[in-house]
Amino acid sequence: MDRINLTCWGLICRISVEMATADHRAIAKKTIKRTLLSIREHLNQALSSLNEIAADNGIDLDGDDLSGGE
């Protein structure tokens, strides 16, 4: 759980920094695009980390959804 918490908190912090940085610039399409691309990169990194955690614990996430059951 520590690795999951660290990954999620890290993601939240990175996105917060991106949004704060964007708030202090003139909001232009270029700025919004740069912010969105950066957030997407952070999301991809977090997803990769969570997939590694799942694999380390013998959990296959492919094809799973949150509809219930284990």
N, C-alpha and C. Protein backbone atom coordinates (compact mmCIF):
# COMPACT_ATOMS: atom_id res chain seq x y z
N MET A 1 0.82 -1.20 0.00
CA MET A 1 0.00 0.00 0.00
C MET A 1 0.86 1.26 0.00
N ASP A 2 2.04 1.18 0.60
CA ASP A 2 2.91 2.37 0.62
C ASP A 2 3.27 2.82 -0.79
N ARG A 3 3.58 1.87 -1.66
CA ARG A 3 3.94 2.24 -3.04
C ARG A 3 2.74 2.83 -3.78
N ILE A 4 1.56 2.30 -3.52
CA ILE A 4 0.36 2.84 -4.15
C ILE A 4 0.10 4.26 -3.66
N ASN A 5 0.18 4.46 -2.34
CA ASN A 5 -0.01 5.80 -1.78
C ASN A 5 1.00 6.78 -2.33
N LEU A 6 2.26 6.37 -2.38
CA LEU A 6 3.31 7.24 -2.90
C LEU A 6 3.05 7.61 -4.36
N THR A 7 2.66 6.64 -5.15
CA THR A 7 2.36 6.90 -6.56
C THR A 7 1.20 7.88 -6.71
N CYS A 8 0.14 7.66 -5.97
CA CYS A 8 -1.05 8.53 -6.08
C CYS A 8 -0.77 9.94 -5.56
N TRP A 9 -0.09 10.05 -4.41
CA TRP A 9 0.23 11.38 -3.88
C TRP A 9 1.19 12.11 -4.80
N GLY A 10 2.14 11.39 -5.36
CA GLY A 10 3.06 12.01 -6.31
C GLY A 10 2.33 12.56 -7.52
N LEU A 11 1.37 11.80 -8.01
CA LEU A 11 0.56 12.23 -9.16
C LEU A 11 -0.23 13.49 -8.81
N ILE A 12 -0.87 13.48 -7.65
CA ILE A 12 -1.65 14.65 -7.23
C ILE A 12 -0.75 15.88 -7.11
N CYS A 13 0.42 15.72 -6.53
CA CYS A 13 1.35 16.85 -6.39
C CYS A 13 1.80 17.37 -7.74
N ARG A 14 2.15 16.48 -8.65
CA ARG A 14 2.61 16.92 -9.97
C ARG A 14 1.51 17.66 -10.73
N ILE A 15 0.29 17.14 -10.66
CA ILE A 15 -0.82 17.81 -11.35
C ILE A 15 -1.09 19.17 -10.70
N SER A 16 -1.00 19.25 -9.38
CA SER A 16 -1.20 20.53 -8.69
C SER A 16 -0.18 21.56 -9.13
N VAL A 17 1.07 21.14 -9.27
CA VAL A 17 2.11 22.06 -9.73
C VAL A 17 1.81 22.52 -11.15
N GLU A 18 1.40 21.61 -12.01
CA GLU A 18 1.07 21.98 -13.39
C GLU A 18 -0.07 22.99 -13.42
N MET A 19 -1.09 22.76 -12.61
CA MET A 19 -2.23 23.67 -12.61
C MET A 19 -1.85 25.03 -12.03
N ALA A 20 -1.04 25.05 -10.97
CA ALA A 20 -0.61 26.32 -10.39
C ALA A 20 0.24 27.10 -11.39
N THR A 21 1.10 26.39 -12.09
CA THR A 21 1.94 27.04 -13.11
C THR A 21 1.06 27.62 -14.21
N ALA A 22 0.08 26.86 -14.65
CA ALA A 22 -0.81 27.33 -15.72
C ALA A 22 -1.62 28.54 -15.25
N ASP A 23 -2.01 28.56 -13.98
CA ASP A 23 -2.80 29.68 -13.46
C ASP A 23 -2.04 30.99 -13.48
N HIS A 24 -0.71 30.92 -13.40
CA HIS A 24 0.10 32.13 -13.34
C HIS A 24 0.55 32.62 -14.71
N ARG A 25 0.16 31.95 -15.76
CA ARG A 25 0.50 32.36 -17.12
C ARG A 25 -0.74 32.88 -17.81
N ALA A 26 -0.53 33.61 -18.86
CA ALA A 26 -1.68 34.00 -19.69
C ALA A 26 -2.27 32.72 -20.26
N ILE A 27 -3.55 32.54 -20.07
CA ILE A 27 -4.17 31.31 -20.54
C ILE A 27 -4.37 31.40 -22.05
N ALA A 28 -3.55 30.69 -22.74
CA ALA A 28 -3.62 30.62 -24.20
C ALA A 28 -3.70 29.15 -24.58
N LYS A 29 -4.11 28.88 -25.80
CA LYS A 29 -4.20 27.49 -26.25
C LYS A 29 -2.88 26.76 -26.07
N LYS A 30 -1.79 27.45 -26.37
CA LYS A 30 -0.47 26.84 -26.24
C LYS A 30 -0.20 26.43 -24.79
N THR A 31 -0.58 27.28 -23.85
CA THR A 31 -0.38 26.98 -22.43
C THR A 31 -1.26 25.82 -22.00
N ILE A 32 -2.51 25.84 -22.41
CA ILE A 32 -3.42 24.75 -22.06
C ILE A 32 -2.91 23.43 -22.64
N LYS A 33 -2.47 23.45 -23.89
CA LYS A 33 -1.96 22.24 -24.52
C LYS A 33 -0.75 21.71 -23.76
N ARG A 34 0.19 22.59 -23.42
CA ARG A 34 1.39 22.18 -22.70
C ARG A 34 1.02 21.58 -21.34
N THR A 35 0.06 22.22 -20.66
CA THR A 35 -0.38 21.73 -19.36
C THR A 35 -1.03 20.35 -19.49
N LEU A 36 -1.91 20.19 -20.47
CA LEU A 36 -2.58 18.91 -20.67
C LEU A 36 -1.59 17.81 -21.05
N LEU A 37 -0.64 18.12 -21.90
CA LEU A 37 0.38 17.13 -22.28
C LEU A 37 1.21 16.71 -21.08
N SER A 38 1.54 17.66 -20.23
CA SER A 38 2.33 17.35 -19.05
C SER A 38 1.53 16.48 -18.07
N ILE A 39 0.27 16.83 -17.86
CA ILE A 39 -0.59 16.02 -16.99
C ILE A 39 -0.75 14.62 -17.55
N ARG A 40 -0.92 14.51 -18.87
CA ARG A 40 -1.04 13.19 -19.49
C ARG A 40 0.21 12.36 -19.24
N GLU A 41 1.39 12.98 -19.35
CA GLU A 41 2.64 12.28 -19.08
C GLU A 41 2.70 11.79 -17.64
N HIS A 42 2.28 12.64 -16.70
CA HIS A 42 2.25 12.24 -15.29
C HIS A 42 1.29 11.07 -15.07
N LEU A 43 0.14 11.12 -15.72
CA LEU A 43 -0.82 10.01 -15.62
C LEU A 43 -0.24 8.72 -16.17
N ASN A 44 0.45 8.80 -17.30
CA ASN A 44 1.07 7.62 -17.89
C ASN A 44 2.14 7.04 -16.97
N GLN A 45 2.94 7.90 -16.33
CA GLN A 45 3.96 7.44 -15.40
C GLN A 45 3.32 6.76 -14.19
N ALA A 46 2.24 7.35 -13.67
CA ALA A 46 1.55 6.75 -12.53
C ALA A 46 0.93 5.41 -12.91
N LEU A 47 0.34 5.34 -14.09
CA LEU A 47 -0.25 4.09 -14.56
C LEU A 47 0.81 3.00 -14.69
N SER A 48 1.95 3.36 -15.21
CA SER A 48 3.06 2.41 -15.33
C SER A 48 3.49 1.91 -13.95
N SER A 49 3.60 2.83 -12.99
CA SER A 49 3.98 2.44 -11.63
C SER A 49 2.95 1.51 -11.01
N LEU A 50 1.67 1.83 -11.19
CA LEU A 50 0.62 0.98 -10.63
C LEU A 50 0.60 -0.39 -11.30
N ASN A 51 0.87 -0.46 -12.59
CA ASN A 51 0.96 -1.75 -13.28
C ASN A 51 2.13 -2.57 -12.74
N GLU A 52 3.26 -1.91 -12.45
CA GLU A 52 4.41 -2.61 -11.86
C GLU A 52 4.05 -3.17 -10.49
N ILE A 53 3.34 -2.37 -9.69
CA ILE A 53 2.93 -2.83 -8.35
C ILE A 53 2.02 -4.04 -8.49
N ALA A 54 1.08 -3.98 -9.42
CA ALA A 54 0.17 -5.11 -9.63
C ALA A 54 0.96 -6.35 -10.05
N ALA A 55 1.88 -6.19 -10.99
CA ALA A 55 2.69 -7.33 -11.46
C ALA A 55 3.53 -7.90 -10.33
N ASP A 56 4.11 -7.04 -9.50
CA ASP A 56 4.92 -7.50 -8.37
C ASP A 56 4.10 -8.33 -7.39
N ASN A 57 2.78 -8.11 -7.39
CA ASN A 57 1.89 -8.83 -6.48
C ASN A 57 1.09 -9.91 -7.18
N GLY A 58 1.48 -10.23 -8.43
CA GLY A 58 0.82 -11.30 -9.16
C GLY A 58 -0.61 -10.97 -9.58
N ILE A 59 -0.89 -9.70 -9.77
CA ILE A 59 -2.24 -9.27 -10.14
C ILE A 59 -2.23 -8.84 -11.61
N ASP A 60 -3.15 -9.39 -12.39
CA ASP A 60 -3.29 -9.02 -13.80
C ASP A 60 -4.44 -8.04 -13.93
N LEU A 61 -4.15 -6.82 -14.34
CA LEU A 61 -5.18 -5.78 -14.45
C LEU A 61 -5.80 -5.70 -15.83
N ASP A 62 -5.23 -6.37 -16.81
CA ASP A 62 -5.76 -6.29 -18.18
C ASP A 62 -7.17 -6.86 -18.25
N GLY A 63 -8.07 -6.08 -18.80
CA GLY A 63 -9.43 -6.53 -18.99
C GLY A 63 -10.32 -6.42 -17.77
N ASP A 64 -9.75 -6.08 -16.62
CA ASP A 64 -10.55 -5.93 -15.41
C ASP A 64 -11.28 -4.60 -15.43
N ASP A 65 -12.42 -4.58 -14.75
CA ASP A 65 -13.14 -3.33 -14.57
C ASP A 65 -13.56 -3.23 -13.11
N LEU A 66 -14.26 -2.19 -12.77
CA LEU A 66 -14.65 -1.97 -11.39
C LEU A 66 -16.11 -2.35 -11.13
N SER A 67 -16.63 -3.30 -11.90
CA SER A 67 -18.04 -3.65 -11.78
C SER A 67 -18.32 -4.58 -10.60
N GLY A 68 -17.31 -4.89 -9.83
CA GLY A 68 -17.51 -5.73 -8.66
C GLY A 68 -16.86 -7.08 -8.83
N GLY A 69 -16.90 -7.85 -7.78
CA GLY A 69 -16.27 -9.16 -7.79
C GLY A 69 -14.77 -9.06 -7.69
N GLU A 70 -14.15 -10.19 -7.44
CA GLU A 70 -12.68 -10.20 -7.33
C GLU A 70 -12.07 -11.07 -8.36
